[in-house]
Amino acid sequence: MSEKKLNRKQFDILTCMERIQRDHAHVTQRELADAAGMSLGSVNRTLATLADAGLTDEHGLTAAGYAALPILNKHGEYRGSLTEG
């Protein structure tokens, strides 16, 4: 998935995981759902897709997951791998 672009749900889940994991070693799906403003079912499906792509695993974000996160430029805008959908 490193060449593919993230959709909005994937982007939201990865960024929420990264933010929460800064302070906590473990992130629950319910915490992600609350942080991302998604249903638990949407989080579950999105995490399955991200895990299949190697961006997450049972411990959270993988190195590939961190690498897939878009980069914030000096103007506070994301550049990189975000698509519509």
N, C-alpha and C. Protein backbone atom coordinates (compact mmCIF):
# COMPACT_ATOMS: atom_id res chain seq x y z
N MET A 1 0.81 -1.20 0.00
CA MET A 1 0.00 0.00 0.00
C MET A 1 0.85 1.26 0.00
N SER A 2 2.16 1.15 0.10
CA SER A 2 3.00 2.34 0.15
C SER A 2 2.87 3.17 -1.12
N GLU A 3 2.56 2.56 -2.28
CA GLU A 3 2.37 3.29 -3.51
C GLU A 3 0.93 3.76 -3.66
N LYS A 4 -0.01 3.13 -3.00
CA LYS A 4 -1.40 3.52 -3.07
C LYS A 4 -1.65 4.66 -2.09
N LYS A 5 -2.71 5.38 -2.37
CA LYS A 5 -3.07 6.48 -1.50
C LYS A 5 -4.09 6.02 -0.47
N LEU A 6 -4.05 6.66 0.68
CA LEU A 6 -5.00 6.35 1.75
C LEU A 6 -6.33 7.02 1.46
N ASN A 7 -7.43 6.33 1.77
CA ASN A 7 -8.72 7.01 1.70
C ASN A 7 -8.93 7.74 3.03
N ARG A 8 -9.99 8.49 3.13
CA ARG A 8 -10.23 9.32 4.32
C ARG A 8 -10.30 8.50 5.60
N LYS A 9 -11.04 7.37 5.57
CA LYS A 9 -11.16 6.55 6.79
C LYS A 9 -9.81 5.98 7.19
N GLN A 10 -9.04 5.49 6.22
CA GLN A 10 -7.72 4.95 6.53
C GLN A 10 -6.81 6.03 7.12
N PHE A 11 -6.85 7.20 6.51
CA PHE A 11 -6.07 8.33 7.00
C PHE A 11 -6.47 8.67 8.44
N ASP A 12 -7.77 8.78 8.68
CA ASP A 12 -8.25 9.13 10.02
C ASP A 12 -7.82 8.10 11.06
N ILE A 13 -7.95 6.82 10.73
CA ILE A 13 -7.56 5.77 11.68
C ILE A 13 -6.06 5.81 11.94
N LEU A 14 -5.25 5.90 10.90
CA LEU A 14 -3.79 5.93 11.10
C LEU A 14 -3.36 7.14 11.91
N THR A 15 -3.92 8.32 11.62
CA THR A 15 -3.51 9.50 12.37
C THR A 15 -3.99 9.43 13.82
N CYS A 16 -5.19 8.90 14.05
CA CYS A 16 -5.67 8.73 15.43
C CYS A 16 -4.82 7.72 16.18
N MET A 17 -4.47 6.61 15.52
CA MET A 17 -3.61 5.61 16.17
C MET A 17 -2.28 6.23 16.55
N GLU A 18 -1.69 6.98 15.64
CA GLU A 18 -0.39 7.60 15.91
C GLU A 18 -0.50 8.56 17.08
N ARG A 19 -1.54 9.37 17.10
CA ARG A 19 -1.73 10.35 18.18
C ARG A 19 -1.93 9.66 19.53
N ILE A 20 -2.79 8.66 19.57
CA ILE A 20 -3.08 7.96 20.83
C ILE A 20 -1.88 7.16 21.29
N GLN A 21 -1.15 6.53 20.35
CA GLN A 21 -0.01 5.70 20.74
C GLN A 21 1.16 6.51 21.27
N ARG A 22 1.17 7.80 21.06
CA ARG A 22 2.23 8.62 21.67
C ARG A 22 2.17 8.54 23.19
N ASP A 23 0.95 8.44 23.73
CA ASP A 23 0.76 8.43 25.18
C ASP A 23 0.45 7.06 25.76
N HIS A 24 -0.07 6.16 24.94
CA HIS A 24 -0.50 4.84 25.42
C HIS A 24 0.06 3.75 24.52
N ALA A 25 0.44 2.65 25.11
CA ALA A 25 0.99 1.54 24.33
C ALA A 25 -0.10 0.82 23.55
N HIS A 26 -1.32 0.81 24.06
CA HIS A 26 -2.39 0.04 23.44
C HIS A 26 -3.57 0.96 23.10
N VAL A 27 -4.15 0.74 21.94
CA VAL A 27 -5.31 1.51 21.49
C VAL A 27 -6.45 0.55 21.21
N THR A 28 -7.61 0.80 21.77
CA THR A 28 -8.76 -0.05 21.50
C THR A 28 -9.53 0.47 20.29
N GLN A 29 -10.31 -0.41 19.68
CA GLN A 29 -11.14 0.00 18.56
C GLN A 29 -12.17 1.04 19.00
N ARG A 30 -12.65 0.92 20.20
CA ARG A 30 -13.62 1.90 20.70
C ARG A 30 -12.96 3.28 20.84
N GLU A 31 -11.72 3.32 21.33
CA GLU A 31 -11.00 4.60 21.43
C GLU A 31 -10.81 5.21 20.03
N LEU A 32 -10.47 4.36 19.07
CA LEU A 32 -10.30 4.85 17.70
C LEU A 32 -11.61 5.37 17.14
N ALA A 33 -12.70 4.64 17.39
CA ALA A 33 -14.02 5.06 16.90
C ALA A 33 -14.38 6.43 17.48
N ASP A 34 -14.16 6.61 18.76
CA ASP A 34 -14.45 7.90 19.41
C ASP A 34 -13.57 9.01 18.85
N ALA A 35 -12.28 8.73 18.72
CA ALA A 35 -11.34 9.75 18.25
C ALA A 35 -11.57 10.13 16.79
N ALA A 36 -11.95 9.15 15.97
CA ALA A 36 -12.13 9.39 14.54
C ALA A 36 -13.56 9.78 14.18
N GLY A 37 -14.48 9.67 15.14
CA GLY A 37 -15.87 9.98 14.86
C GLY A 37 -16.52 8.97 13.92
N MET A 38 -16.12 7.71 14.07
CA MET A 38 -16.64 6.63 13.22
C MET A 38 -17.37 5.62 14.07
N SER A 39 -18.15 4.78 13.40
CA SER A 39 -18.78 3.68 14.11
C SER A 39 -17.73 2.61 14.38
N LEU A 40 -18.01 1.77 15.36
CA LEU A 40 -17.10 0.67 15.69
C LEU A 40 -16.94 -0.27 14.50
N GLY A 41 -18.03 -0.51 13.76
CA GLY A 41 -17.97 -1.37 12.58
C GLY A 41 -17.07 -0.81 11.49
N SER A 42 -17.14 0.51 11.27
CA SER A 42 -16.28 1.15 10.27
C SER A 42 -14.82 1.04 10.68
N VAL A 43 -14.54 1.24 11.95
CA VAL A 43 -13.16 1.11 12.44
C VAL A 43 -12.68 -0.32 12.24
N ASN A 44 -13.51 -1.29 12.57
CA ASN A 44 -13.13 -2.69 12.42
C ASN A 44 -12.80 -3.02 10.97
N ARG A 45 -13.65 -2.62 10.04
CA ARG A 45 -13.42 -2.88 8.62
C ARG A 45 -12.17 -2.16 8.11
N THR A 46 -11.99 -0.92 8.53
CA THR A 46 -10.83 -0.15 8.09
C THR A 46 -9.54 -0.74 8.64
N LEU A 47 -9.56 -1.16 9.89
CA LEU A 47 -8.36 -1.79 10.47
C LEU A 47 -8.01 -3.09 9.75
N ALA A 48 -9.02 -3.85 9.35
CA ALA A 48 -8.76 -5.09 8.60
C ALA A 48 -8.07 -4.78 7.28
N THR A 49 -8.54 -3.75 6.60
CA THR A 49 -7.92 -3.34 5.34
C THR A 49 -6.48 -2.88 5.56
N LEU A 50 -6.27 -2.08 6.61
CA LEU A 50 -4.93 -1.60 6.92
C LEU A 50 -3.99 -2.73 7.32
N ALA A 51 -4.50 -3.71 8.06
CA ALA A 51 -3.69 -4.86 8.45
C ALA A 51 -3.33 -5.70 7.22
N ASP A 52 -4.29 -5.90 6.32
CA ASP A 52 -4.01 -6.64 5.09
C ASP A 52 -2.93 -5.96 4.26
N ALA A 53 -2.88 -4.63 4.34
CA ALA A 53 -1.87 -3.87 3.60
C ALA A 53 -0.54 -3.78 4.35
N GLY A 54 -0.50 -4.32 5.59
CA GLY A 54 0.74 -4.29 6.38
C GLY A 54 1.00 -2.99 7.09
N LEU A 55 -0.03 -2.13 7.21
CA LEU A 55 0.16 -0.84 7.85
C LEU A 55 -0.12 -0.87 9.35
N THR A 56 -0.86 -1.87 9.80
CA THR A 56 -1.11 -2.07 11.23
C THR A 56 -0.97 -3.55 11.54
N ASP A 57 -0.77 -3.83 12.81
CA ASP A 57 -0.79 -5.21 13.28
C ASP A 57 -1.39 -5.22 14.68
N GLU A 58 -1.28 -6.33 15.38
CA GLU A 58 -1.91 -6.43 16.71
C GLU A 58 -1.30 -5.47 17.73
N HIS A 59 -0.15 -4.88 17.41
CA HIS A 59 0.51 -3.95 18.32
C HIS A 59 0.24 -2.49 17.96
N GLY A 60 -0.39 -2.24 16.82
CA GLY A 60 -0.66 -0.88 16.39
C GLY A 60 -0.07 -0.59 15.03
N LEU A 61 0.43 0.61 14.86
CA LEU A 61 1.04 1.00 13.58
C LEU A 61 2.34 0.25 13.36
N THR A 62 2.55 -0.18 12.14
CA THR A 62 3.83 -0.78 11.77
C THR A 62 4.73 0.32 11.21
N ALA A 63 5.97 -0.02 10.91
CA ALA A 63 6.87 0.96 10.29
C ALA A 63 6.28 1.43 8.96
N ALA A 64 5.67 0.53 8.21
CA ALA A 64 5.02 0.90 6.95
C ALA A 64 3.84 1.83 7.20
N GLY A 65 3.13 1.62 8.31
CA GLY A 65 2.02 2.50 8.66
C GLY A 65 2.47 3.91 8.95
N TYR A 66 3.57 4.03 9.70
CA TYR A 66 4.12 5.36 9.96
C TYR A 66 4.58 6.02 8.66
N ALA A 67 5.21 5.23 7.79
CA ALA A 67 5.71 5.76 6.52
C ALA A 67 4.57 6.20 5.60
N ALA A 68 3.40 5.58 5.74
CA ALA A 68 2.27 5.91 4.87
C ALA A 68 1.55 7.17 5.29
N LEU A 69 1.80 7.64 6.51
CA LEU A 69 1.13 8.86 6.97
C LEU A 69 1.58 10.05 6.12
N PRO A 70 0.64 10.86 5.68
CA PRO A 70 1.00 12.05 4.91
C PRO A 70 1.86 12.99 5.76
N ILE A 71 2.64 13.77 5.09
CA ILE A 71 3.54 14.70 5.76
C ILE A 71 2.86 16.07 5.85
N LEU A 72 2.93 16.68 7.01
CA LEU A 72 2.36 18.01 7.22
C LEU A 72 3.40 19.04 6.77
N ASN A 73 3.04 19.91 5.83
CA ASN A 73 4.01 20.89 5.36
C ASN A 73 4.05 22.11 6.28
N LYS A 74 4.91 23.06 5.97
CA LYS A 74 5.09 24.21 6.86
C LYS A 74 3.86 25.11 6.93
N HIS A 75 2.91 24.94 6.02
CA HIS A 75 1.68 25.72 6.04
C HIS A 75 0.54 25.00 6.77
N GLY A 76 0.86 23.84 7.37
CA GLY A 76 -0.16 23.09 8.09
C GLY A 76 -1.09 22.30 7.18
N GLU A 77 -0.66 22.09 5.93
CA GLU A 77 -1.46 21.32 4.99
C GLU A 77 -0.81 19.96 4.77
N TYR A 78 -1.64 18.94 4.62
CA TYR A 78 -1.09 17.61 4.34
C TYR A 78 -0.73 17.51 2.88
N ARG A 79 0.43 16.96 2.62
CA ARG A 79 0.84 16.68 1.26
C ARG A 79 1.10 15.18 1.20
N GLY A 80 0.79 14.59 0.12
CA GLY A 80 1.10 13.18 -0.02
C GLY A 80 -0.13 12.33 -0.23
N SER A 81 -0.23 11.29 0.55
CA SER A 81 -1.03 10.13 0.18
C SER A 81 -2.47 10.13 0.65
N LEU A 82 -3.23 11.19 0.42
CA LEU A 82 -4.64 11.17 0.80
C LEU A 82 -5.51 11.31 -0.43
N THR A 83 -6.49 10.41 -0.58
CA THR A 83 -7.41 10.47 -1.71
C THR A 83 -8.81 10.69 -1.18
N GLU A 84 -9.71 11.02 -2.07
CA GLU A 84 -11.12 11.12 -1.71
C GLU A 84 -11.69 9.70 -1.61
N GLY A 85 -12.65 9.54 -0.71
CA GLY A 85 -13.31 8.23 -0.64
C GLY A 85 -13.15 7.53 0.63
